[in-house]
Amino acid sequence: MKSACCLIFLVAGLVVTGCGKKDNSSTTSTTVTSANNVQTPPAANNYGSTLVNAQQAAVKTVDVVSLNQAVQLFNVQEGRFPTNLDELVSKQYIGKLPAAPNGMKLVYDATQGKVTTVRQ
């Protein structure tokens, strides 16, 4: 009878201990796996350069739009397109020519009266 009770307690102890140990190891394994698989999103790696590129694109768009508006105003008032962008400054349609964004240059087509930016 004593041996049967001891055997039952031993089996019950092994079951409880074994189940608890298995649960802890799987939880630990999951935690470790999750910690090792943490990845940085691609956008976070280039966040600074993305902001700079967005700012340059916005400045480029504003400068080109304002120059094209000045060219159209010149055309309406003078009856022709300016021969070059410096004529907009000399006749005071704009205060000064804006600087092109890094790696870009302003291109003016006098026949169509359009200003664009292109890569250098």
PDB file of N, CA and C in Angstrom:
ATOM      1  N   MET A   1       0.814  -1.167   0.000  1.00  0.00           N
ATOM      2  CA  MET A   1       0.000   0.000   0.000  1.00  0.00           C
ATOM      3  C   MET A   1       0.876   1.257   0.000  1.00  0.00           C
ATOM      4  N   LYS A   2       1.946   1.248   0.839  1.00  0.00           N
ATOM      5  CA  LYS A   2       2.850   2.381   0.879  1.00  0.00           C
ATOM      6  C   LYS A   2       3.528   2.565  -0.467  1.00  0.00           C
ATOM      7  N   SER A   3       3.908   1.506  -1.100  1.00  0.00           N
ATOM      8  CA  SER A   3       4.585   1.599  -2.392  1.00  0.00           C
ATOM      9  C   SER A   3       3.637   2.108  -3.473  1.00  0.00           C
ATOM     10  N   ALA A   4       2.347   1.723  -3.383  1.00  0.00           N
ATOM     11  CA  ALA A   4       1.361   2.205  -4.362  1.00  0.00           C
ATOM     12  C   ALA A   4       1.146   3.695  -4.203  1.00  0.00           C
ATOM     13  N   CYS A   5       1.061   4.178  -2.952  1.00  0.00           N
ATOM     14  CA  CYS A   5       0.890   5.615  -2.688  1.00  0.00           C
ATOM     15  C   CYS A   5       2.119   6.386  -3.158  1.00  0.00           C
ATOM     16  N   CYS A   6       3.277   5.851  -2.874  1.00  0.00           N
ATOM     17  CA  CYS A   6       4.514   6.518  -3.306  1.00  0.00           C
ATOM     18  C   CYS A   6       4.596   6.576  -4.825  1.00  0.00           C
ATOM     19  N   LEU A   7       4.189   5.498  -5.471  1.00  0.00           N
ATOM     20  CA  LEU A   7       4.209   5.454  -6.931  1.00  0.00           C
ATOM     21  C   LEU A   7       3.232   6.463  -7.519  1.00  0.00           C
ATOM     22  N   ILE A   8       2.054   6.576  -6.919  1.00  0.00           N
ATOM     23  CA  ILE A   8       1.054   7.548  -7.407  1.00  0.00           C
ATOM     24  C   ILE A   8       1.581   8.974  -7.243  1.00  0.00           C
ATOM     25  N   PHE A   9       2.159   9.268  -6.063  1.00  0.00           N
ATOM     26  CA  PHE A   9       2.708  10.612  -5.841  1.00  0.00           C
ATOM     27  C   PHE A   9       3.884  10.900  -6.777  1.00  0.00           C
ATOM     28  N   LEU A  10       4.677   9.882  -7.021  1.00  0.00           N
ATOM     29  CA  LEU A  10       5.820  10.052  -7.907  1.00  0.00           C
ATOM     30  C   LEU A  10       5.366  10.343  -9.334  1.00  0.00           C
ATOM     31  N   VAL A  11       4.385   9.571  -9.813  1.00  0.00           N
ATOM     32  CA  VAL A  11       3.855   9.776 -11.167  1.00  0.00           C
ATOM     33  C   VAL A  11       3.183  11.147 -11.259  1.00  0.00           C
ATOM     34  N   ALA A  12       2.382  11.500 -10.253  1.00  0.00           N
ATOM     35  CA  ALA A  12       1.709  12.801 -10.249  1.00  0.00           C
ATOM     36  C   ALA A  12       2.736  13.930 -10.225  1.00  0.00           C
ATOM     37  N   GLY A  13       3.786  13.773  -9.435  1.00  0.00           N
ATOM     38  CA  GLY A  13       4.832  14.796  -9.364  1.00  0.00           C
ATOM     39  C   GLY A  13       5.552  14.956 -10.689  1.00  0.00           C
ATOM     40  N   LEU A  14       5.845  13.812 -11.344  1.00  0.00           N
ATOM     41  CA  LEU A  14       6.502  13.887 -12.648  1.00  0.00           C
ATOM     42  C   LEU A  14       5.599  14.543 -13.699  1.00  0.00           C
ATOM     43  N   VAL A  15       4.310  14.245 -13.661  1.00  0.00           N
ATOM     44  CA  VAL A  15       3.371  14.841 -14.625  1.00  0.00           C
ATOM     45  C   VAL A  15       3.304  16.350 -14.419  1.00  0.00           C
ATOM     46  N   VAL A  16       3.137  16.766 -13.171  1.00  0.00           N
ATOM     47  CA  VAL A  16       3.046  18.201 -12.880  1.00  0.00           C
ATOM     48  C   VAL A  16       4.351  18.902 -13.214  1.00  0.00           C
ATOM     49  N   THR A  17       5.458  18.324 -12.805  1.00  0.00           N
ATOM     50  CA  THR A  17       6.756  18.922 -13.076  1.00  0.00           C
ATOM     51  C   THR A  17       7.049  18.939 -14.570  1.00  0.00           C
ATOM     52  N   GLY A  18       6.763  17.851 -15.229  1.00  0.00           N
ATOM     53  CA  GLY A  18       7.014  17.772 -16.668  1.00  0.00           C
ATOM     54  C   GLY A  18       6.161  18.755 -17.448  1.00  0.00           C
ATOM     55  N   CYS A  19       4.888  18.889 -17.103  1.00  0.00           N
ATOM     56  CA  CYS A  19       3.998  19.828 -17.800  1.00  0.00           C
ATOM     57  C   CYS A  19       4.439  21.262 -17.559  1.00  0.00           C
ATOM     58  N   GLY A  20       4.771  21.570 -16.331  1.00  0.00           N
ATOM     59  CA  GLY A  20       5.204  22.932 -16.014  1.00  0.00           C
ATOM     60  C   GLY A  20       6.487  23.277 -16.722  1.00  0.00           C
ATOM     61  N   LYS A  21       7.423  22.336 -16.773  1.00  0.00           N
ATOM     62  CA  LYS A  21       8.695  22.582 -17.427  1.00  0.00           C
ATOM     63  C   LYS A  21       8.512  22.782 -18.919  1.00  0.00           C
ATOM     64  N   LYS A  22       7.625  22.011 -19.522  1.00  0.00           N
ATOM     65  CA  LYS A  22       7.381  22.128 -20.956  1.00  0.00           C
ATOM     66  C   LYS A  22       6.774  23.472 -21.293  1.00  0.00           C
ATOM     67  N   ASP A  23       5.828  23.928 -20.496  1.00  0.00           N
ATOM     68  CA  ASP A  23       5.196  25.229 -20.744  1.00  0.00           C
ATOM     69  C   ASP A  23       6.210  26.360 -20.630  1.00  0.00           C
ATOM     70  N   ASN A  24       7.074  26.293 -19.616  1.00  0.00           N
ATOM     71  CA  ASN A  24       8.064  27.352 -19.434  1.00  0.00           C
ATOM     72  C   ASN A  24       9.054  27.395 -20.577  1.00  0.00           C
ATOM     73  N   SER A  25       9.492  26.227 -21.050  1.00  0.00           N
ATOM     74  CA  SER A  25      10.474  26.223 -22.124  1.00  0.00           C
ATOM     75  C   SER A  25       9.871  26.723 -23.425  1.00  0.00           C
ATOM     76  N   SER A  26       8.606  26.409 -23.690  1.00  0.00           N
ATOM     77  CA  SER A  26       8.004  26.893 -24.929  1.00  0.00           C
ATOM     78  C   SER A  26       7.776  28.399 -24.865  1.00  0.00           C
ATOM     79  N   THR A  27       7.430  28.891 -23.668  1.00  0.00           N
ATOM     80  CA  THR A  27       7.266  30.331 -23.513  1.00  0.00           C
ATOM     81  C   THR A  27       8.597  31.036 -23.678  1.00  0.00           C
ATOM     82  N   THR A  28       9.624  30.481 -23.079  1.00  0.00           N
ATOM     83  CA  THR A  28      10.953  31.066 -23.193  1.00  0.00           C
ATOM     84  C   THR A  28      11.418  31.014 -24.636  1.00  0.00           C
ATOM     85  N   SER A  29      11.186  29.903 -25.276  1.00  0.00           N
ATOM     86  CA  SER A  29      11.577  29.752 -26.664  1.00  0.00           C
ATOM     87  C   SER A  29      10.847  30.750 -27.546  1.00  0.00           C
ATOM     88  N   THR A  30       9.576  30.950 -27.309  1.00  0.00           N
ATOM     89  CA  THR A  30       8.801  31.905 -28.099  1.00  0.00           C
ATOM     90  C   THR A  30       9.319  33.320 -27.876  1.00  0.00           C
ATOM     91  N   THR A  31       9.609  33.634 -26.622  1.00  0.00           N
ATOM     92  CA  THR A  31      10.110  34.970 -26.305  1.00  0.00           C
ATOM     93  C   THR A  31      11.451  35.213 -26.972  1.00  0.00           C
ATOM     94  N   VAL A  32      12.319  34.236 -26.903  1.00  0.00           N
ATOM     95  CA  VAL A  32      13.632  34.386 -27.516  1.00  0.00           C
ATOM     96  C   VAL A  32      13.492  34.505 -29.018  1.00  0.00           C
ATOM     97  N   THR A  33      12.651  33.667 -29.599  1.00  0.00           N
ATOM     98  CA  THR A  33      12.444  33.726 -31.037  1.00  0.00           C
ATOM     99  C   THR A  33      11.894  35.077 -31.439  1.00  0.00           C
ATOM    100  N   SER A  34      10.913  35.585 -30.679  1.00  0.00           N
ATOM    101  CA  SER A  34      10.338  36.881 -31.004  1.00  0.00           C
ATOM    102  C   SER A  34      11.375  37.972 -30.880  1.00  0.00           C
ATOM    103  N   ALA A  35      12.210  37.894 -29.851  1.00  0.00           N
ATOM    104  CA  ALA A  35      13.224  38.922 -29.652  1.00  0.00           C
ATOM    105  C   ALA A  35      14.262  38.886 -30.760  1.00  0.00           C
ATOM    106  N   ASN A  36      14.587  37.703 -31.262  1.00  0.00           N
ATOM    107  CA  ASN A  36      15.585  37.599 -32.320  1.00  0.00           C
ATOM    108  C   ASN A  36      15.042  38.002 -33.679  1.00  0.00           C
ATOM    109  N   ASN A  37      13.737  37.956 -33.861  1.00  0.00           N
ATOM    110  CA  ASN A  37      13.157  38.265 -35.157  1.00  0.00           C
ATOM    111  C   ASN A  37      12.644  39.697 -35.271  1.00  0.00           C
ATOM    112  N   VAL A  38      13.008  40.552 -34.347  1.00  0.00           N
ATOM    113  CA  VAL A  38      12.594  41.950 -34.430  1.00  0.00           C
ATOM    114  C   VAL A  38      13.325  42.586 -35.597  1.00  0.00           C
ATOM    115  N   GLN A  39      12.567  43.167 -36.503  1.00  0.00           N
ATOM    116  CA  GLN A  39      13.163  43.788 -37.677  1.00  0.00           C
ATOM    117  C   GLN A  39      12.789  45.258 -37.723  1.00  0.00           C
ATOM    118  N   THR A  40      13.700  46.054 -38.183  1.00  0.00           N
ATOM    119  CA  THR A  40      13.435  47.473 -38.338  1.00  0.00           C
ATOM    120  C   THR A  40      12.746  47.685 -39.681  1.00  0.00           C
ATOM    121  N   PRO A  41      11.642  48.430 -39.704  1.00  0.00           N
ATOM    122  CA  PRO A  41      10.978  48.681 -40.978  1.00  0.00           C
ATOM    123  C   PRO A  41      11.909  49.419 -41.935  1.00  0.00           C
ATOM    124  N   PRO A  42      11.807  49.156 -43.235  1.00  0.00           N
ATOM    125  CA  PRO A  42      12.702  49.793 -44.198  1.00  0.00           C
ATOM    126  C   PRO A  42      12.634  51.314 -44.156  1.00  0.00           C
ATOM    127  N   ALA A  43      11.454  51.867 -43.935  1.00  0.00           N
ATOM    128  CA  ALA A  43      11.312  53.319 -43.930  1.00  0.00           C
ATOM    129  C   ALA A  43      12.080  53.947 -42.774  1.00  0.00           C
ATOM    130  N   ALA A  44      12.195  53.241 -41.652  1.00  0.00           N
ATOM    131  CA  ALA A  44      12.890  53.805 -40.501  1.00  0.00           C
ATOM    132  C   ALA A  44      14.387  53.916 -40.765  1.00  0.00           C
ATOM    133  N   ASN A  45      14.932  53.044 -41.592  1.00  0.00           N
ATOM    134  CA  ASN A  45      16.358  53.088 -41.889  1.00  0.00           C
ATOM    135  C   ASN A  45      16.734  54.341 -42.661  1.00  0.00           C
ATOM    136  N   ASN A  46      15.872  54.809 -43.532  1.00  0.00           N
ATOM    137  CA  ASN A  46      16.163  55.949 -44.396  1.00  0.00           C
ATOM    138  C   ASN A  46      15.302  57.154 -44.054  1.00  0.00           C
ATOM    139  N   TYR A  47      14.877  57.256 -42.823  1.00  0.00           N
ATOM    140  CA  TYR A  47      13.943  58.320 -42.439  1.00  0.00           C
ATOM    141  C   TYR A  47      14.514  59.706 -42.705  1.00  0.00           C
ATOM    142  N   GLY A  48      15.764  59.920 -42.322  1.00  0.00           N
ATOM    143  CA  GLY A  48      16.378  61.235 -42.520  1.00  0.00           C
ATOM    144  C   GLY A  48      16.514  61.587 -43.981  1.00  0.00           C
ATOM    145  N   SER A  49      17.000  60.656 -44.786  1.00  0.00           N
ATOM    146  CA  SER A  49      17.163  60.953 -46.210  1.00  0.00           C
ATOM    147  C   SER A  49      15.816  61.089 -46.901  1.00  0.00           C
ATOM    148  N   THR A  50      14.809  60.384 -46.427  1.00  0.00           N
ATOM    149  CA  THR A  50      13.477  60.514 -46.999  1.00  0.00           C
ATOM    150  C   THR A  50      12.927  61.909 -46.748  1.00  0.00           C
ATOM    151  N   LEU A  51      13.154  62.431 -45.555  1.00  0.00           N
ATOM    152  CA  LEU A  51      12.704  63.788 -45.252  1.00  0.00           C
ATOM    153  C   LEU A  51      13.418  64.818 -46.115  1.00  0.00           C
ATOM    154  N   VAL A  52      14.708  64.651 -46.299  1.00  0.00           N
ATOM    155  CA  VAL A  52      15.475  65.582 -47.125  1.00  0.00           C
ATOM    156  C   VAL A  52      14.979  65.531 -48.559  1.00  0.00           C
ATOM    157  N   ASN A  53      14.756  64.335 -49.085  1.00  0.00           N
ATOM    158  CA  ASN A  53      14.269  64.205 -50.458  1.00  0.00           C
ATOM    159  C   ASN A  53      12.886  64.819 -50.617  1.00  0.00           C
ATOM    160  N   ALA A  54      12.028  64.636 -49.634  1.00  0.00           N
ATOM    161  CA  ALA A  54      10.688  65.214 -49.696  1.00  0.00           C
ATOM    162  C   ALA A  54      10.755  66.727 -49.666  1.00  0.00           C
ATOM    163  N   GLN A  55      11.629  67.262 -48.830  1.00  0.00           N
ATOM    164  CA  GLN A  55      11.770  68.710 -48.755  1.00  0.00           C
ATOM    165  C   GLN A  55      12.307  69.260 -50.073  1.00  0.00           C
ATOM    166  N   GLN A  56      13.284  68.599 -50.667  1.00  0.00           N
ATOM    167  CA  GLN A  56      13.829  69.056 -51.940  1.00  0.00           C
ATOM    168  C   GLN A  56      12.772  69.002 -53.032  1.00  0.00           C
ATOM    169  N   ALA A  57      11.955  67.963 -53.037  1.00  0.00           N
ATOM    170  CA  ALA A  57      10.894  67.855 -54.037  1.00  0.00           C
ATOM    171  C   ALA A  57       9.872  68.968 -53.852  1.00  0.00           C
ATOM    172  N   ALA A  58       9.546  69.287 -52.608  1.00  0.00           N
ATOM    173  CA  ALA A  58       8.579  70.353 -52.348  1.00  0.00           C
ATOM    174  C   ALA A  58       9.131  71.708 -52.776  1.00  0.00           C
ATOM    175  N   VAL A  59      10.392  71.975 -52.456  1.00  0.00           N
ATOM    176  CA  VAL A  59      11.014  73.242 -52.847  1.00  0.00           C
ATOM    177  C   VAL A  59      11.092  73.339 -54.359  1.00  0.00           C
ATOM    178  N   LYS A  60      11.478  72.242 -54.996  1.00  0.00           N
ATOM    179  CA  LYS A  60      11.580  72.223 -56.454  1.00  0.00           C
ATOM    180  C   LYS A  60      10.233  72.526 -57.082  1.00  0.00           C
ATOM    181  N   THR A  61       9.157  71.934 -56.558  1.00  0.00           N
ATOM    182  CA  THR A  61       7.824  72.142 -57.104  1.00  0.00           C
ATOM    183  C   THR A  61       7.396  73.587 -56.932  1.00  0.00           C
ATOM    184  N   VAL A  62       7.617  74.155 -55.753  1.00  0.00           N
ATOM    185  CA  VAL A  62       7.229  75.540 -55.489  1.00  0.00           C
ATOM    186  C   VAL A  62       7.997  76.487 -56.389  1.00  0.00           C
ATOM    187  N   ASP A  63       9.315  76.298 -56.506  1.00  0.00           N
ATOM    188  CA  ASP A  63      10.123  77.182 -57.338  1.00  0.00           C
ATOM    189  C   ASP A  63       9.706  77.117 -58.799  1.00  0.00           C
ATOM    190  N   VAL A  64       9.468  75.928 -59.301  1.00  0.00           N
ATOM    191  CA  VAL A  64       9.073  75.778 -60.703  1.00  0.00           C
ATOM    192  C   VAL A  64       7.699  76.397 -60.941  1.00  0.00           C
ATOM    193  N   VAL A  65       6.783  76.197 -60.012  1.00  0.00           N
ATOM    194  CA  VAL A  65       5.439  76.766 -60.163  1.00  0.00           C
ATOM    195  C   VAL A  65       5.501  78.286 -60.145  1.00  0.00           C
ATOM    196  N   SER A  66       6.252  78.851 -59.214  1.00  0.00           N
ATOM    197  CA  SER A  66       6.340  80.317 -59.143  1.00  0.00           C
ATOM    198  C   SER A  66       7.023  80.889 -60.380  1.00  0.00           C
ATOM    199  N   LEU A  67       8.046  80.205 -60.879  1.00  0.00           N
ATOM    200  CA  LEU A  67       8.700  80.681 -62.106  1.00  0.00           C
ATOM    201  C   LEU A  67       7.762  80.597 -63.307  1.00  0.00           C
ATOM    202  N   ASN A  68       7.019  79.503 -63.412  1.00  0.00           N
ATOM    203  CA  ASN A  68       6.073  79.376 -64.532  1.00  0.00           C
ATOM    204  C   ASN A  68       4.975  80.435 -64.450  1.00  0.00           C
ATOM    205  N   GLN A  69       4.531  80.766 -63.236  1.00  0.00           N
ATOM    206  CA  GLN A  69       3.534  81.833 -63.095  1.00  0.00           C
ATOM    207  C   GLN A  69       4.115  83.180 -63.515  1.00  0.00           C
ATOM    208  N   ALA A  70       5.364  83.439 -63.149  1.00  0.00           N
ATOM    209  CA  ALA A  70       6.009  84.690 -63.549  1.00  0.00           C
ATOM    210  C   ALA A  70       6.171  84.746 -65.064  1.00  0.00           C
ATOM    211  N   VAL A  71       6.499  83.625 -65.694  1.00  0.00           N
ATOM    212  CA  VAL A  71       6.622  83.577 -67.158  1.00  0.00           C
ATOM    213  C   VAL A  71       5.268  83.868 -67.806  1.00  0.00           C
ATOM    214  N   GLN A  72       4.193  83.282 -67.277  1.00  0.00           N
ATOM    215  CA  GLN A  72       2.864  83.522 -67.845  1.00  0.00           C
ATOM    216  C   GLN A  72       2.430  84.980 -67.658  1.00  0.00           C
ATOM    217  N   LEU A  73       2.725  85.561 -66.494  1.00  0.00           N
ATOM    218  CA  LEU A  73       2.411  86.964 -66.252  1.00  0.00           C
ATOM    219  C   LEU A  73       3.196  87.858 -67.207  1.00  0.00           C
ATOM    220  N   PHE A  74       4.463  87.549 -67.414  1.00  0.00           N
ATOM    221  CA  PHE A  74       5.296  88.272 -68.370  1.00  0.00           C
ATOM    222  C   PHE A  74       4.677  88.194 -69.766  1.00  0.00           C
ATOM    223  N   ASN A  75       4.233  86.997 -70.149  1.00  0.00           N
ATOM    224  CA  ASN A  75       3.635  86.796 -71.469  1.00  0.00           C
ATOM    225  C   ASN A  75       2.369  87.636 -71.633  1.00  0.00           C
ATOM    226  N   VAL A  76       1.547  87.681 -70.624  1.00  0.00           N
ATOM    227  CA  VAL A  76       0.298  88.448 -70.703  1.00  0.00           C
ATOM    228  C   VAL A  76       0.591  89.944 -70.809  1.00  0.00           C
ATOM    229  N   GLN A  77       1.530  90.431 -70.011  1.00  0.00           N
ATOM    230  CA  GLN A  77       1.794  91.865 -69.987  1.00  0.00           C
ATOM    231  C   GLN A  77       2.694  92.347 -71.117  1.00  0.00           C
ATOM    232  N   GLU A  78       3.636  91.515 -71.548  1.00  0.00           N
ATOM    233  CA  GLU A  78       4.591  91.924 -72.580  1.00  0.00           C
ATOM    234  C   GLU A  78       4.209  91.410 -73.969  1.00  0.00           C
ATOM    235  N   GLY A  79       3.310  90.436 -74.039  1.00  0.00           N
ATOM    236  CA  GLY A  79       2.896  89.895 -75.329  1.00  0.00           C
ATOM    237  C   GLY A  79       3.855  88.861 -75.905  1.00  0.00           C
ATOM    238  N   ARG A  80       4.791  88.404 -75.117  1.00  0.00           N
ATOM    239  CA  ARG A  80       5.764  87.394 -75.568  1.00  0.00           C
ATOM    240  C   ARG A  80       6.346  86.704 -74.349  1.00  0.00           C
ATOM    241  N   PHE A  81       7.002  85.578 -74.582  1.00  0.00           N
ATOM    242  CA  PHE A  81       7.701  84.903 -73.498  1.00  0.00           C
ATOM    243  C   PHE A  81       9.063  85.563 -73.312  1.00  0.00           C
ATOM    244  N   PRO A  82       9.593  85.548 -72.098  1.00  0.00           N
ATOM    245  CA  PRO A  82      10.937  86.107 -71.902  1.00  0.00           C
ATOM    246  C   PRO A  82      11.977  85.276 -72.649  1.00  0.00           C
ATOM    247  N   THR A  83      13.037  85.938 -73.082  1.00  0.00           N
ATOM    248  CA  THR A  83      14.072  85.215 -73.822  1.00  0.00           C
ATOM    249  C   THR A  83      14.880  84.314 -72.895  1.00  0.00           C
ATOM    250  N   ASN A  84      15.019  84.702 -71.637  1.00  0.00           N
ATOM    251  CA  ASN A  84      15.674  83.866 -70.629  1.00  0.00           C
ATOM    252  C   ASN A  84      15.108  84.230 -69.263  1.00  0.00           C
ATOM    253  N   LEU A  85      15.468  83.461 -68.261  1.00  0.00           N
ATOM    254  CA  LEU A  85      14.916  83.680 -66.924  1.00  0.00           C
ATOM    255  C   LEU A  85      15.447  84.957 -66.281  1.00  0.00           C
ATOM    256  N   ASP A  86      16.609  85.404 -66.693  1.00  0.00           N
ATOM    257  CA  ASP A  86      17.160  86.640 -66.145  1.00  0.00           C
ATOM    258  C   ASP A  86      16.309  87.851 -66.522  1.00  0.00           C
ATOM    259  N   GLU A  87      15.589  87.757 -67.627  1.00  0.00           N
ATOM    260  CA  GLU A  87      14.699  88.848 -68.030  1.00  0.00           C
ATOM    261  C   GLU A  87      13.546  89.022 -67.036  1.00  0.00           C
ATOM    262  N   LEU A  88      13.141  87.947 -66.388  1.00  0.00           N
ATOM    263  CA  LEU A  88      12.108  88.053 -65.347  1.00  0.00           C
ATOM    264  C   LEU A  88      12.611  88.888 -64.168  1.00  0.00           C
ATOM    265  N   VAL A  89      13.892  88.757 -63.867  1.00  0.00           N
ATOM    266  CA  VAL A  89      14.478  89.513 -62.760  1.00  0.00           C
ATOM    267  C   VAL A  89      14.671  90.973 -63.172  1.00  0.00           C
ATOM    268  N   SER A  90      15.201  91.196 -64.368  1.00  0.00           N
ATOM    269  CA  SER A  90      15.489  92.564 -64.804  1.00  0.00           C
ATOM    270  C   SER A  90      14.218  93.405 -64.958  1.00  0.00           C
ATOM    271  N   LYS A  91      13.115  92.774 -65.324  1.00  0.00           N
ATOM    272  CA  LYS A  91      11.842  93.507 -65.464  1.00  0.00           C
ATOM    273  C   LYS A  91      10.997  93.408 -64.194  1.00  0.00           C
ATOM    274  N   GLN A  92      11.586  92.871 -63.117  1.00  0.00           N
ATOM    275  CA  GLN A  92      11.002  92.806 -61.774  1.00  0.00           C
ATOM    276  C   GLN A  92       9.720  91.968 -61.684  1.00  0.00           C
ATOM    277  N   TYR A  93       9.658  90.883 -62.430  1.00  0.00           N
ATOM    278  CA  TYR A  93       8.562  89.929 -62.272  1.00  0.00           C
ATOM    279  C   TYR A  93       8.842  88.985 -61.100  1.00  0.00           C
ATOM    280  N   ILE A  94      10.126  88.793 -60.812  1.00  0.00           N
ATOM    281  CA  ILE A  94      10.553  88.061 -59.609  1.00  0.00           C
ATOM    282  C   ILE A  94      11.740  88.810 -59.024  1.00  0.00           C
ATOM    283  N   GLY A  95      11.966  88.631 -57.736  1.00  0.00           N
ATOM    284  CA  GLY A  95      13.074  89.322 -57.080  1.00  0.00           C
ATOM    285  C   GLY A  95      14.433  88.767 -57.484  1.00  0.00           C
ATOM    286  N   LYS A  96      14.550  87.452 -57.508  1.00  0.00           N
ATOM    287  CA  LYS A  96      15.788  86.784 -57.920  1.00  0.00           C
ATOM    288  C   LYS A  96      15.448  85.367 -58.346  1.00  0.00           C
ATOM    289  N   LEU A  97      16.333  84.801 -59.120  1.00  0.00           N
ATOM    290  CA  LEU A  97      16.132  83.412 -59.546  1.00  0.00           C
ATOM    291  C   LEU A  97      16.373  82.489 -58.366  1.00  0.00           C
ATOM    292  N   PRO A  98      15.466  81.546 -58.107  1.00  0.00           N
ATOM    293  CA  PRO A  98      15.695  80.603 -57.008  1.00  0.00           C
ATOM    294  C   PRO A  98      16.808  79.622 -57.377  1.00  0.00           C
ATOM    295  N   ALA A  99      17.494  79.161 -56.366  1.00  0.00           N
ATOM    296  CA  ALA A  99      18.548  78.163 -56.585  1.00  0.00           C
ATOM    297  C   ALA A  99      17.890  76.808 -56.860  1.00  0.00           C
ATOM    298  N   ALA A 100      18.460  76.085 -57.783  1.00  0.00           N
ATOM    299  CA  ALA A 100      17.953  74.738 -58.088  1.00  0.00           C
ATOM    300  C   ALA A 100      18.329  73.799 -56.948  1.00  0.00           C
ATOM    301  N   PRO A 101      17.496  72.791 -56.656  1.00  0.00           N
ATOM    302  CA  PRO A 101      17.849  71.806 -55.627  1.00  0.00           C
ATOM    303  C   PRO A 101      19.151  71.090 -55.977  1.00  0.00           C
ATOM    304  N   ASN A 102      19.781  70.504 -54.970  1.00  0.00           N
ATOM    305  CA  ASN A 102      21.047  69.796 -55.178  1.00  0.00           C
ATOM    306  C   ASN A 102      20.917  68.741 -56.268  1.00  0.00           C
ATOM    307  N   GLY A 103      21.878  68.738 -57.190  1.00  0.00           N
ATOM    308  CA  GLY A 103      21.897  67.747 -58.257  1.00  0.00           C
ATOM    309  C   GLY A 103      20.921  68.043 -59.379  1.00  0.00           C
ATOM    310  N   MET A 104      20.270  69.203 -59.346  1.00  0.00           N
ATOM    311  CA  MET A 104      19.282  69.568 -60.372  1.00  0.00           C
ATOM    312  C   MET A 104      19.683  70.909 -60.990  1.00  0.00           C
ATOM    313  N   LYS A 105      19.098  71.204 -62.138  1.00  0.00           N
ATOM    314  CA  LYS A 105      19.266  72.522 -62.729  1.00  0.00           C
ATOM    315  C   LYS A 105      17.944  72.953 -63.350  1.00  0.00           C
ATOM    316  N   LEU A 106      17.734  74.255 -63.413  1.00  0.00           N
ATOM    317  CA  LEU A 106      16.530  74.811 -64.016  1.00  0.00           C
ATOM    318  C   LEU A 106      16.741  74.913 -65.519  1.00  0.00           C
ATOM    319  N   VAL A 107      15.746  74.497 -66.266  1.00  0.00           N
ATOM    320  CA  VAL A 107      15.803  74.569 -67.723  1.00  0.00           C
ATOM    321  C   VAL A 107      14.584  75.354 -68.192  1.00  0.00           C
ATOM    322  N   TYR A 108      14.822  76.367 -69.010  1.00  0.00           N
ATOM    323  CA  TYR A 108      13.741  77.204 -69.521  1.00  0.00           C
ATOM    324  C   TYR A 108      13.630  77.015 -71.025  1.00  0.00           C
ATOM    325  N   ASP A 109      12.411  76.714 -71.477  1.00  0.00           N
ATOM    326  CA  ASP A 109      12.116  76.588 -72.902  1.00  0.00           C
ATOM    327  C   ASP A 109      11.383  77.858 -73.325  1.00  0.00           C
ATOM    328  N   ALA A 110      12.081  78.750 -74.047  1.00  0.00           N
ATOM    329  CA  ALA A 110      11.521  80.050 -74.422  1.00  0.00           C
ATOM    330  C   ALA A 110      10.422  79.930 -75.470  1.00  0.00           C
ATOM    331  N   THR A 111      10.409  78.850 -76.240  1.00  0.00           N
ATOM    332  CA  THR A 111       9.362  78.711 -77.262  1.00  0.00           C
ATOM    333  C   THR A 111       8.025  78.332 -76.638  1.00  0.00           C
ATOM    334  N   GLN A 112       8.035  77.540 -75.585  1.00  0.00           N
ATOM    335  CA  GLN A 112       6.799  77.134 -74.911  1.00  0.00           C
ATOM    336  C   GLN A 112       6.535  77.943 -73.640  1.00  0.00           C
ATOM    337  N   GLY A 113       7.541  78.640 -73.155  1.00  0.00           N
ATOM    338  CA  GLY A 113       7.391  79.407 -71.932  1.00  0.00           C
ATOM    339  C   GLY A 113       7.244  78.534 -70.701  1.00  0.00           C
ATOM    340  N   LYS A 114       8.038  77.456 -70.623  1.00  0.00           N
ATOM    341  CA  LYS A 114       7.953  76.528 -69.491  1.00  0.00           C
ATOM    342  C   LYS A 114       9.302  76.382 -68.822  1.00  0.00           C
ATOM    343  N   VAL A 115       9.252  76.335 -67.492  1.00  0.00           N
ATOM    344  CA  VAL A 115      10.443  76.083 -66.686  1.00  0.00           C
ATOM    345  C   VAL A 115      10.311  74.688 -66.092  1.00  0.00           C
ATOM    346  N   THR A 116      11.366  73.912 -66.184  1.00  0.00           N
ATOM    347  CA  THR A 116      11.410  72.575 -65.591  1.00  0.00           C
ATOM    348  C   THR A 116      12.735  72.387 -64.867  1.00  0.00           C
ATOM    349  N   THR A 117      12.806  71.346 -64.070  1.00  0.00           N
ATOM    350  CA  THR A 117      14.074  70.967 -63.445  1.00  0.00           C
ATOM    351  C   THR A 117      14.482  69.609 -63.997  1.00  0.00           C
ATOM    352  N   VAL A 118      15.770  69.472 -64.208  1.00  0.00           N
ATOM    353  CA  VAL A 118      16.315  68.199 -64.692  1.00  0.00           C
ATOM    354  C   VAL A 118      17.563  67.871 -63.879  1.00  0.00           C
ATOM    355  N   ARG A 119      17.883  66.603 -63.816  1.00  0.00           N
ATOM    356  CA  ARG A 119      19.098  66.170 -63.117  1.00  0.00           C
ATOM    357  C   ARG A 119      20.326  66.584 -63.926  1.00  0.00           C
ATOM    358  N   GLN A 120      21.359  66.962 -63.203  1.00  0.00           N
ATOM    359  CA  GLN A 120      22.604  67.355 -63.884  1.00  0.00           C
ATOM    360  C   GLN A 120      23.398  66.168 -64.281  1.00  0.00           C
TER     361      GLN A 120
END
